[in-house]
PDB file of all heavy atoms in Angstrom:
ATOM      1  N   GLY A   1       6.057   5.972  -3.597  1.00  0.00           N
ATOM      2  CA  GLY A   1       6.381   5.127  -4.731  1.00  0.00           C
ATOM      3  C   GLY A   1       5.652   5.463  -6.015  1.00  0.00           C
ATOM      4  O   GLY A   1       5.985   4.919  -7.071  1.00  0.00           O
ATOM      5  N   LEU A   2       4.659   6.346  -5.942  1.00  0.00           N
ATOM      6  CA  LEU A   2       3.936   6.727  -7.156  1.00  0.00           C
ATOM      7  C   LEU A   2       4.876   7.385  -8.164  1.00  0.00           C
ATOM      8  O   LEU A   2       4.769   7.153  -9.367  1.00  0.00           O
ATOM      9  CB  LEU A   2       2.769   7.659  -6.820  1.00  0.00           C
ATOM     10  CG  LEU A   2       1.868   8.051  -7.988  1.00  0.00           C
ATOM     11  CD1 LEU A   2       1.254   6.819  -8.643  1.00  0.00           C
ATOM     12  CD2 LEU A   2       0.777   9.000  -7.518  1.00  0.00           C
ATOM     13  N   ASP A   3       5.818   8.167  -7.667  1.00  0.00           N
ATOM     14  CA  ASP A   3       6.800   8.791  -8.559  1.00  0.00           C
ATOM     15  C   ASP A   3       7.600   7.729  -9.304  1.00  0.00           C
ATOM     16  O   ASP A   3       7.828   7.827 -10.511  1.00  0.00           O
ATOM     17  CB  ASP A   3       7.721   9.735  -7.793  1.00  0.00           C
ATOM     18  CG  ASP A   3       8.293   9.143  -6.511  1.00  0.00           C
ATOM     19  OD1 ASP A   3       7.802   8.089  -6.042  1.00  0.00           O
ATOM     20  OD2 ASP A   3       9.228   9.740  -5.948  1.00  0.00           O
ATOM     21  N   SER A   4       7.995   6.687  -8.602  1.00  0.00           N
ATOM     22  CA  SER A   4       8.764   5.599  -9.212  1.00  0.00           C
ATOM     23  C   SER A   4       7.931   4.855 -10.253  1.00  0.00           C
ATOM     24  O   SER A   4       8.398   4.569 -11.359  1.00  0.00           O
ATOM     25  CB  SER A   4       9.222   4.605  -8.140  1.00  0.00           C
ATOM     26  OG  SER A   4       9.897   5.266  -7.117  1.00  0.00           O
ATOM     27  N   LEU A   5       6.701   4.546  -9.886  1.00  0.00           N
ATOM     28  CA  LEU A   5       5.805   3.837 -10.795  1.00  0.00           C
ATOM     29  C   LEU A   5       5.607   4.623 -12.084  1.00  0.00           C
ATOM     30  O   LEU A   5       5.735   4.081 -13.188  1.00  0.00           O
ATOM     31  CB  LEU A   5       4.459   3.586 -10.116  1.00  0.00           C
ATOM     32  CG  LEU A   5       3.364   2.968 -10.984  1.00  0.00           C
ATOM     33  CD1 LEU A   5       3.713   1.538 -11.354  1.00  0.00           C
ATOM     34  CD2 LEU A   5       2.035   3.021 -10.267  1.00  0.00           C
ATOM     35  N   LEU A   6       5.312   5.902 -11.960  1.00  0.00           N
ATOM     36  CA  LEU A   6       5.055   6.711 -13.143  1.00  0.00           C
ATOM     37  C   LEU A   6       6.299   6.851 -14.008  1.00  0.00           C
ATOM     38  O   LEU A   6       6.208   6.849 -15.239  1.00  0.00           O
ATOM     39  CB  LEU A   6       4.504   8.083 -12.742  1.00  0.00           C
ATOM     40  CG  LEU A   6       3.110   8.042 -12.102  1.00  0.00           C
ATOM     41  CD1 LEU A   6       2.703   9.420 -11.617  1.00  0.00           C
ATOM     42  CD2 LEU A   6       2.084   7.474 -13.070  1.00  0.00           C
ATOM     43  N   SER A   7       7.464   6.946 -13.382  1.00  0.00           N
ATOM     44  CA  SER A   7       8.711   7.002 -14.163  1.00  0.00           C
ATOM     45  C   SER A   7       8.884   5.749 -15.000  1.00  0.00           C
ATOM     46  O   SER A   7       9.325   5.813 -16.144  1.00  0.00           O
ATOM     47  CB  SER A   7       9.917   7.146 -13.236  1.00  0.00           C
ATOM     48  OG  SER A   7      10.046   8.446 -12.770  1.00  0.00           O
ATOM     49  N   MET A   8       8.543   4.610 -14.437  1.00  0.00           N
ATOM     50  CA  MET A   8       8.754   3.348 -15.144  1.00  0.00           C
ATOM     51  C   MET A   8       7.740   3.104 -16.255  1.00  0.00           C
ATOM     52  O   MET A   8       8.091   2.570 -17.304  1.00  0.00           O
ATOM     53  CB  MET A   8       8.740   2.184 -14.152  1.00  0.00           C
ATOM     54  CG  MET A   8       9.955   2.175 -13.278  1.00  0.00           C
ATOM     55  SD  MET A   8       9.951   0.760 -12.185  1.00  0.00           S
ATOM     56  CE  MET A   8      11.397   1.125 -11.211  1.00  0.00           C
ATOM     57  N   VAL A   9       6.509   3.468 -16.043  1.00  0.00           N
ATOM     58  CA  VAL A   9       5.494   3.168 -17.059  1.00  0.00           C
ATOM     59  C   VAL A   9       5.438   4.204 -18.177  1.00  0.00           C
ATOM     60  O   VAL A   9       4.797   3.972 -19.192  1.00  0.00           O
ATOM     61  CB  VAL A   9       4.080   2.966 -16.447  1.00  0.00           C
ATOM     62  CG1 VAL A   9       4.083   1.799 -15.485  1.00  0.00           C
ATOM     63  CG2 VAL A   9       3.566   4.225 -15.792  1.00  0.00           C
ATOM     64  N   GLN A  10       6.129   5.324 -18.016  1.00  0.00           N
ATOM     65  CA  GLN A  10       6.101   6.381 -19.031  1.00  0.00           C
ATOM     66  C   GLN A  10       7.333   6.345 -19.941  1.00  0.00           C
ATOM     67  O   GLN A  10       7.856   7.372 -20.332  1.00  0.00           O
ATOM     68  CB  GLN A  10       6.001   7.760 -18.349  1.00  0.00           C
ATOM     69  CG  GLN A  10       4.709   7.976 -17.613  1.00  0.00           C
ATOM     70  CD  GLN A  10       3.495   7.967 -18.537  1.00  0.00           C
ATOM     71  OE1 GLN A  10       3.584   8.321 -19.701  1.00  0.00           O
ATOM     72  NE2 GLN A  10       2.354   7.572 -18.011  1.00  0.00           N
ATOM     73  N   MET A  11       7.768   5.167 -20.308  1.00  0.00           N
ATOM     74  CA  MET A  11       8.930   5.042 -21.179  1.00  0.00           C
ATOM     75  C   MET A  11       8.575   5.466 -22.609  1.00  0.00           C
ATOM     76  O   MET A  11       7.443   5.264 -23.053  1.00  0.00           O
ATOM     77  CB  MET A  11       9.427   3.594 -21.169  1.00  0.00           C
ATOM     78  CG  MET A  11      10.011   3.157 -19.839  1.00  0.00           C
ATOM     79  SD  MET A  11      11.383   4.195 -19.296  1.00  0.00           S
ATOM     80  CE  MET A  11      12.491   4.005 -20.663  1.00  0.00           C
ATOM     81  N   PRO A  12       9.556   6.025 -23.319  1.00  0.00           N
ATOM     82  CA  PRO A  12       9.283   6.425 -24.704  1.00  0.00           C
ATOM     83  C   PRO A  12       9.127   5.206 -25.616  1.00  0.00           C
ATOM     84  O   PRO A  12       9.638   4.123 -25.314  1.00  0.00           O
ATOM     85  CB  PRO A  12      10.525   7.240 -25.082  1.00  0.00           C
ATOM     86  CG  PRO A  12      11.597   6.783 -24.165  1.00  0.00           C
ATOM     87  CD  PRO A  12      10.916   6.367 -22.895  1.00  0.00           C
ATOM     88  N   ALA A  13       8.449   5.398 -26.718  1.00  0.00           N
ATOM     89  CA  ALA A  13       8.248   4.329 -27.698  1.00  0.00           C
ATOM     90  C   ALA A  13       9.595   3.741 -28.107  1.00  0.00           C
ATOM     91  O   ALA A  13      10.556   4.465 -28.334  1.00  0.00           O
ATOM     92  CB  ALA A  13       7.509   4.867 -28.915  1.00  0.00           C
ATOM     93  N   GLY A  14       9.648   2.430 -28.147  1.00  0.00           N
ATOM     94  CA  GLY A  14      10.855   1.741 -28.565  1.00  0.00           C
ATOM     95  C   GLY A  14      11.758   1.296 -27.432  1.00  0.00           C
ATOM     96  O   GLY A  14      12.699   0.548 -27.646  1.00  0.00           O
ATOM     97  N   ILE A  15      11.484   1.749 -26.210  1.00  0.00           N
ATOM     98  CA  ILE A  15      12.287   1.368 -25.038  1.00  0.00           C
ATOM     99  C   ILE A  15      11.325   0.801 -23.988  1.00  0.00           C
ATOM    100  O   ILE A  15      11.023   1.451 -22.975  1.00  0.00           O
ATOM    101  CB  ILE A  15      13.069   2.570 -24.460  1.00  0.00           C
ATOM    102  CG1 ILE A  15      13.848   3.313 -25.536  1.00  0.00           C
ATOM    103  CG2 ILE A  15      14.008   2.101 -23.339  1.00  0.00           C
ATOM    104  CD1 ILE A  15      14.951   2.494 -26.193  1.00  0.00           C
ATOM    105  N   PRO A  16      10.796  -0.412 -24.218  1.00  0.00           N
ATOM    106  CA  PRO A  16       9.813  -0.945 -23.280  1.00  0.00           C
ATOM    107  C   PRO A  16      10.436  -1.394 -21.959  1.00  0.00           C
ATOM    108  O   PRO A  16      11.531  -1.942 -21.927  1.00  0.00           O
ATOM    109  CB  PRO A  16       9.234  -2.148 -24.026  1.00  0.00           C
ATOM    110  CG  PRO A  16      10.325  -2.576 -24.945  1.00  0.00           C
ATOM    111  CD  PRO A  16      11.048  -1.314 -25.340  1.00  0.00           C
ATOM    112  N   VAL A  17       9.716  -1.115 -20.903  1.00  0.00           N
ATOM    113  CA  VAL A  17      10.029  -1.630 -19.571  1.00  0.00           C
ATOM    114  C   VAL A  17       8.706  -2.136 -19.004  1.00  0.00           C
ATOM    115  O   VAL A  17       7.780  -1.348 -18.812  1.00  0.00           O
ATOM    116  CB  VAL A  17      10.629  -0.547 -18.645  1.00  0.00           C
ATOM    117  CG1 VAL A  17      10.798  -1.075 -17.225  1.00  0.00           C
ATOM    118  CG2 VAL A  17      11.972  -0.053 -19.185  1.00  0.00           C
ATOM    119  N   ALA A  18       8.612  -3.449 -18.784  1.00  0.00           N
ATOM    120  CA  ALA A  18       7.424  -3.986 -18.119  1.00  0.00           C
ATOM    121  C   ALA A  18       7.453  -3.470 -16.691  1.00  0.00           C
ATOM    122  O   ALA A  18       8.517  -3.173 -16.155  1.00  0.00           O
ATOM    123  CB  ALA A  18       7.458  -5.513 -18.136  1.00  0.00           C
ATOM    124  N   CYS A  19       6.321  -3.363 -16.053  1.00  0.00           N
ATOM    125  CA  CYS A  19       6.307  -2.783 -14.719  1.00  0.00           C
ATOM    126  C   CYS A  19       5.316  -3.540 -13.833  1.00  0.00           C
ATOM    127  O   CYS A  19       4.218  -3.867 -14.269  1.00  0.00           O
ATOM    128  CB  CYS A  19       5.922  -1.313 -14.806  1.00  0.00           C
ATOM    129  SG  CYS A  19       6.191  -0.406 -13.281  1.00  0.00           S
ATOM    130  N   VAL A  20       5.755  -3.800 -12.607  1.00  0.00           N
ATOM    131  CA  VAL A  20       4.886  -4.432 -11.619  1.00  0.00           C
ATOM    132  C   VAL A  20       4.495  -3.379 -10.586  1.00  0.00           C
ATOM    133  O   VAL A  20       4.897  -2.226 -10.677  1.00  0.00           O
ATOM    134  CB  VAL A  20       5.579  -5.649 -10.966  1.00  0.00           C
ATOM    135  CG1 VAL A  20       5.845  -6.743 -12.003  1.00  0.00           C
ATOM    136  CG2 VAL A  20       6.854  -5.255 -10.253  1.00  0.00           C
ATOM    137  N   ALA A  21       3.733  -3.778  -9.617  1.00  0.00           N
ATOM    138  CA  ALA A  21       3.241  -2.863  -8.591  1.00  0.00           C
ATOM    139  C   ALA A  21       4.380  -2.304  -7.737  1.00  0.00           C
ATOM    140  O   ALA A  21       5.470  -2.880  -7.668  1.00  0.00           O
ATOM    141  CB  ALA A  21       2.250  -3.593  -7.681  1.00  0.00           C
ATOM    142  N   ILE A  22       4.105  -1.220  -7.069  1.00  0.00           N
ATOM    143  CA  ILE A  22       5.055  -0.634  -6.120  1.00  0.00           C
ATOM    144  C   ILE A  22       5.382  -1.688  -5.064  1.00  0.00           C
ATOM    145  O   ILE A  22       4.481  -2.284  -4.467  1.00  0.00           O
ATOM    146  CB  ILE A  22       4.465   0.635  -5.466  1.00  0.00           C
ATOM    147  CG1 ILE A  22       4.200   1.704  -6.544  1.00  0.00           C
ATOM    148  CG2 ILE A  22       5.390   1.171  -4.371  1.00  0.00           C
ATOM    149  CD1 ILE A  22       3.316   2.844  -6.091  1.00  0.00           C
ATOM    150  N   ASN A  23       6.677  -1.933  -4.882  1.00  0.00           N
ATOM    151  CA  ASN A  23       7.183  -2.976  -3.975  1.00  0.00           C
ATOM    152  C   ASN A  23       6.650  -4.363  -4.349  1.00  0.00           C
ATOM    153  O   ASN A  23       6.565  -5.238  -3.497  1.00  0.00           O
ATOM    154  CB  ASN A  23       6.881  -2.660  -2.513  1.00  0.00           C
ATOM    155  CG  ASN A  23       7.806  -1.599  -1.943  1.00  0.00           C
ATOM    156  OD1 ASN A  23       8.575  -0.981  -2.668  1.00  0.00           O
ATOM    157  ND2 ASN A  23       7.730  -1.381  -0.654  1.00  0.00           N
ATOM    158  N   GLY A  24       6.350  -4.571  -5.608  1.00  0.00           N
ATOM    159  CA  GLY A  24       5.801  -5.847  -6.085  1.00  0.00           C
ATOM    160  C   GLY A  24       6.883  -6.828  -6.513  1.00  0.00           C
ATOM    161  O   GLY A  24       6.814  -7.405  -7.602  1.00  0.00           O
ATOM    162  N   ALA A  25       7.875  -7.022  -5.661  1.00  0.00           N
ATOM    163  CA  ALA A  25       9.026  -7.857  -6.007  1.00  0.00           C
ATOM    164  C   ALA A  25       8.643  -9.299  -6.319  1.00  0.00           C
ATOM    165  O   ALA A  25       9.213  -9.906  -7.230  1.00  0.00           O
ATOM    166  CB  ALA A  25      10.065  -7.810  -4.893  1.00  0.00           C
ATOM    167  N   LEU A  26       7.714  -9.862  -5.577  1.00  0.00           N
ATOM    168  CA  LEU A  26       7.314 -11.248  -5.846  1.00  0.00           C
ATOM    169  C   LEU A  26       6.820 -11.374  -7.286  1.00  0.00           C
ATOM    170  O   LEU A  26       7.239 -12.268  -8.026  1.00  0.00           O
ATOM    171  CB  LEU A  26       6.239 -11.719  -4.866  1.00  0.00           C
ATOM    172  CG  LEU A  26       5.744 -13.145  -5.106  1.00  0.00           C
ATOM    173  CD1 LEU A  26       6.853 -14.156  -4.821  1.00  0.00           C
ATOM    174  CD2 LEU A  26       4.519 -13.443  -4.273  1.00  0.00           C
ATOM    175  N   ASN A  27       5.956 -10.464  -7.708  1.00  0.00           N
ATOM    176  CA  ASN A  27       5.446 -10.527  -9.082  1.00  0.00           C
ATOM    177  C   ASN A  27       6.538 -10.249 -10.105  1.00  0.00           C
ATOM    178  O   ASN A  27       6.510 -10.812 -11.199  1.00  0.00           O
ATOM    179  CB  ASN A  27       4.266  -9.579  -9.283  1.00  0.00           C
ATOM    180  CG  ASN A  27       2.956 -10.221  -8.877  1.00  0.00           C
ATOM    181  OD1 ASN A  27       2.900 -11.411  -8.583  1.00  0.00           O
ATOM    182  ND2 ASN A  27       1.904  -9.435  -8.864  1.00  0.00           N
ATOM    183  N   ALA A  28       7.504  -9.408  -9.775  1.00  0.00           N
ATOM    184  CA  ALA A  28       8.626  -9.185 -10.697  1.00  0.00           C
ATOM    185  C   ALA A  28       9.383 -10.491 -10.915  1.00  0.00           C
ATOM    186  O   ALA A  28       9.714 -10.847 -12.051  1.00  0.00           O
ATOM    187  CB  ALA A  28       9.553  -8.102 -10.157  1.00  0.00           C
ATOM    188  N   GLY A  29       9.644 -11.210  -9.838  1.00  0.00           N
ATOM    189  CA  GLY A  29      10.325 -12.493  -9.954  1.00  0.00           C
ATOM    190  C   GLY A  29       9.507 -13.500 -10.730  1.00  0.00           C
ATOM    191  O   GLY A  29      10.035 -14.229 -11.582  1.00  0.00           O
ATOM    192  N   LEU A  30       8.215 -13.547 -10.456  1.00  0.00           N
ATOM    193  CA  LEU A  30       7.343 -14.490 -11.170  1.00  0.00           C
ATOM    194  C   LEU A  30       7.229 -14.140 -12.653  1.00  0.00           C
ATOM    195  O   LEU A  30       7.205 -15.036 -13.511  1.00  0.00           O
ATOM    196  CB  LEU A  30       5.969 -14.550 -10.513  1.00  0.00           C
ATOM    197  CG  LEU A  30       5.932 -15.209  -9.139  1.00  0.00           C
ATOM    198  CD1 LEU A  30       4.575 -15.017  -8.492  1.00  0.00           C
ATOM    199  CD2 LEU A  30       6.286 -16.692  -9.232  1.00  0.00           C
ATOM    200  N   LEU A  31       7.178 -12.863 -12.971  1.00  0.00           N
ATOM    201  CA  LEU A  31       7.124 -12.458 -14.376  1.00  0.00           C
ATOM    202  C   LEU A  31       8.418 -12.862 -15.086  1.00  0.00           C
ATOM    203  O   LEU A  31       8.380 -13.345 -16.225  1.00  0.00           O
ATOM    204  CB  LEU A  31       6.882 -10.953 -14.496  1.00  0.00           C
ATOM    205  CG  LEU A  31       6.797 -10.392 -15.913  1.00  0.00           C
ATOM    206  CD1 LEU A  31       5.745 -11.103 -16.757  1.00  0.00           C
ATOM    207  CD2 LEU A  31       6.519  -8.887 -15.853  1.00  0.00           C
ATOM    208  N   ALA A  32       9.538 -12.717 -14.421  1.00  0.00           N
ATOM    209  CA  ALA A  32      10.809 -13.160 -15.006  1.00  0.00           C
ATOM    210  C   ALA A  32      10.773 -14.667 -15.270  1.00  0.00           C
ATOM    211  O   ALA A  32      11.209 -15.126 -16.330  1.00  0.00           O
ATOM    212  CB  ALA A  32      11.973 -12.795 -14.085  1.00  0.00           C
ATOM    213  N   VAL A  33      10.235 -15.421 -14.334  1.00  0.00           N
ATOM    214  CA  VAL A  33      10.112 -16.879 -14.526  1.00  0.00           C
ATOM    215  C   VAL A  33       9.218 -17.176 -15.726  1.00  0.00           C
ATOM    216  O   VAL A  33       9.542 -18.032 -16.560  1.00  0.00           O
ATOM    217  CB  VAL A  33       9.584 -17.571 -13.249  1.00  0.00           C
ATOM    218  CG1 VAL A  33       9.220 -19.028 -13.530  1.00  0.00           C
ATOM    219  CG2 VAL A  33      10.610 -17.490 -12.123  1.00  0.00           C
ATOM    220  N   GLN A  34       8.103 -16.481 -15.836  1.00  0.00           N
ATOM    221  CA  GLN A  34       7.206 -16.707 -16.972  1.00  0.00           C
ATOM    222  C   GLN A  34       7.890 -16.403 -18.305  1.00  0.00           C
ATOM    223  O   GLN A  34       7.715 -17.137 -19.278  1.00  0.00           O
ATOM    224  CB  GLN A  34       5.951 -15.845 -16.844  1.00  0.00           C
ATOM    225  CG  GLN A  34       4.957 -16.363 -15.841  1.00  0.00           C
ATOM    226  CD  GLN A  34       3.730 -15.477 -15.789  1.00  0.00           C
ATOM    227  OE1 GLN A  34       3.800 -14.337 -15.332  1.00  0.00           O
ATOM    228  NE2 GLN A  34       2.614 -16.002 -16.263  1.00  0.00           N
ATOM    229  N   ILE A  35       8.652 -15.330 -18.353  1.00  0.00           N
ATOM    230  CA  ILE A  35       9.374 -14.984 -19.581  1.00  0.00           C
ATOM    231  C   ILE A  35      10.352 -16.100 -19.930  1.00  0.00           C
ATOM    232  O   ILE A  35      10.426 -16.550 -21.074  1.00  0.00           O
ATOM    233  CB  ILE A  35      10.094 -13.627 -19.426  1.00  0.00           C
ATOM    234  CG1 ILE A  35       9.068 -12.482 -19.346  1.00  0.00           C
ATOM    235  CG2 ILE A  35      11.087 -13.397 -20.574  1.00  0.00           C
ATOM    236  CD1 ILE A  35       9.653 -11.143 -18.904  1.00  0.00           C
ATOM    237  N   LEU A  36      11.094 -16.547 -18.936  1.00  0.00           N
ATOM    238  CA  LEU A  36      12.084 -17.606 -19.161  1.00  0.00           C
ATOM    239  C   LEU A  36      11.427 -18.945 -19.496  1.00  0.00           C
ATOM    240  O   LEU A  36      12.004 -19.765 -20.220  1.00  0.00           O
ATOM    241  CB  LEU A  36      12.969 -17.756 -17.934  1.00  0.00           C
ATOM    242  CG  LEU A  36      13.889 -16.567 -17.651  1.00  0.00           C
ATOM    243  CD1 LEU A  36      14.462 -16.673 -16.246  1.00  0.00           C
ATOM    244  CD2 LEU A  36      14.982 -16.466 -18.698  1.00  0.00           C
ATOM    245  N   ALA A  37      10.226 -19.169 -18.974  1.00  0.00           N
ATOM    246  CA  ALA A  37       9.536 -20.446 -19.187  1.00  0.00           C
ATOM    247  C   ALA A  37       9.195 -20.682 -20.655  1.00  0.00           C
ATOM    248  O   ALA A  37       9.007 -21.829 -21.067  1.00  0.00           O
ATOM    249  CB  ALA A  37       8.274 -20.511 -18.329  1.00  0.00           C
ATOM    250  N   VAL A  38       9.155 -19.654 -21.446  1.00  0.00           N
ATOM    251  CA  VAL A  38       8.929 -19.808 -22.884  1.00  0.00           C
ATOM    252  C   VAL A  38      10.082 -20.592 -23.515  1.00  0.00           C
ATOM    253  O   VAL A  38       9.881 -21.368 -24.438  1.00  0.00           O
ATOM    254  CB  VAL A  38       8.772 -18.423 -23.559  1.00  0.00           C
ATOM    255  CG1 VAL A  38       8.741 -18.537 -25.060  1.00  0.00           C
ATOM    256  CG2 VAL A  38       7.522 -17.728 -23.042  1.00  0.00           C
ATOM    257  N   LYS A  39      11.277 -20.410 -22.974  1.00  0.00           N
ATOM    258  CA  LYS A  39      12.474 -21.075 -23.497  1.00  0.00           C
ATOM    259  C   LYS A  39      12.820 -22.357 -22.742  1.00  0.00           C
ATOM    260  O   LYS A  39      13.376 -23.279 -23.319  1.00  0.00           O
ATOM    261  CB  LYS A  39      13.656 -20.098 -23.410  1.00  0.00           C
ATOM    262  CG  LYS A  39      14.972 -20.656 -23.887  1.00  0.00           C
ATOM    263  CD  LYS A  39      16.071 -19.613 -23.798  1.00  0.00           C
ATOM    264  CE  LYS A  39      17.411 -20.179 -24.228  1.00  0.00           C
ATOM    265  NZ  LYS A  39      18.483 -19.192 -24.067  1.00  0.00           N
ATOM    266  N   TYR A  40      12.521 -22.391 -21.440  1.00  0.00           N
ATOM    267  CA  TYR A  40      12.930 -23.502 -20.587  1.00  0.00           C
ATOM    268  C   TYR A  40      11.706 -24.289 -20.129  1.00  0.00           C
ATOM    269  O   TYR A  40      10.994 -23.864 -19.211  1.00  0.00           O
ATOM    270  CB  TYR A  40      13.700 -22.980 -19.363  1.00  0.00           C
ATOM    271  CG  TYR A  40      14.984 -22.283 -19.717  1.00  0.00           C
ATOM    272  CD1 TYR A  40      15.051 -20.898 -19.778  1.00  0.00           C
ATOM    273  CD2 TYR A  40      16.138 -23.011 -19.993  1.00  0.00           C
ATOM    274  CE1 TYR A  40      16.230 -20.251 -20.101  1.00  0.00           C
ATOM    275  CE2 TYR A  40      17.333 -22.378 -20.316  1.00  0.00           C
ATOM    276  CZ  TYR A  40      17.373 -20.993 -20.370  1.00  0.00           C
ATOM    277  OH  TYR A  40      18.540 -20.364 -20.695  1.00  0.00           O
ATOM    278  N   PRO A  41      11.447 -25.450 -20.744  1.00  0.00           N
ATOM    279  CA  PRO A  41      10.263 -26.235 -20.398  1.00  0.00           C
ATOM    280  C   PRO A  41      10.192 -26.615 -18.921  1.00  0.00           C
ATOM    281  O   PRO A  41       9.097 -26.679 -18.358  1.00  0.00           O
ATOM    282  CB  PRO A  41      10.385 -27.483 -21.268  1.00  0.00           C
ATOM    283  CG  PRO A  41      11.302 -27.113 -22.373  1.00  0.00           C
ATOM    284  CD  PRO A  41      12.217 -26.060 -21.836  1.00  0.00           C
ATOM    285  N   GLU A  42      11.335 -26.851 -18.279  1.00  0.00           N
ATOM    286  CA  GLU A  42      11.310 -27.215 -16.861  1.00  0.00           C
ATOM    287  C   GLU A  42      10.781 -26.061 -15.998  1.00  0.00           C
ATOM    288  O   GLU A  42      10.116 -26.297 -14.994  1.00  0.00           O
ATOM    289  CB  GLU A  42      12.696 -27.673 -16.374  1.00  0.00           C
ATOM    290  CG  GLU A  42      13.776 -26.611 -16.382  1.00  0.00           C
ATOM    291  CD  GLU A  42      14.510 -26.407 -17.718  1.00  0.00           C
ATOM    292  OE1 GLU A  42      14.032 -26.871 -18.764  1.00  0.00           O
ATOM    293  OE2 GLU A  42      15.562 -25.757 -17.697  1.00  0.00           O
ATOM    294  N   LEU A  43      11.039 -24.824 -16.411  1.00  0.00           N
ATOM    295  CA  LEU A  43      10.471 -23.683 -15.684  1.00  0.00           C
ATOM    296  C   LEU A  43       8.970 -23.587 -15.918  1.00  0.00           C
ATOM    297  O   LEU A  43       8.221 -23.224 -15.003  1.00  0.00           O
ATOM    298  CB  LEU A  43      11.162 -22.378 -16.080  1.00  0.00           C
ATOM    299  CG  LEU A  43      12.542 -22.156 -15.498  1.00  0.00           C
ATOM    300  CD1 LEU A  43      13.139 -20.842 -15.999  1.00  0.00           C
ATOM    301  CD2 LEU A  43      12.507 -22.162 -13.976  1.00  0.00           C
ATOM    302  N   MET A  44       8.524 -23.901 -17.131  1.00  0.00           N
ATOM    303  CA  MET A  44       7.083 -23.893 -17.403  1.00  0.00           C
ATOM    304  C   MET A  44       6.386 -24.912 -16.507  1.00  0.00           C
ATOM    305  O   MET A  44       5.339 -24.612 -15.913  1.00  0.00           O
ATOM    306  CB  MET A  44       6.810 -24.199 -18.880  1.00  0.00           C
ATOM    307  CG  MET A  44       5.343 -24.131 -19.248  1.00  0.00           C
ATOM    308  SD  MET A  44       4.629 -22.466 -19.072  1.00  0.00           S
ATOM    309  CE  MET A  44       5.298 -21.657 -20.522  1.00  0.00           C
TER     310      MET A  44
END
């Protein structure tokens, strides 16, 4: 998975991709909730 991780974090300027740990699906879901919680008070 190191190849996958490095591909994701080495994005060119102007095309951001946030990145979680290898097989870090739980944190990916939680980060999505946090992003949405800025707009949706019930999620916060």
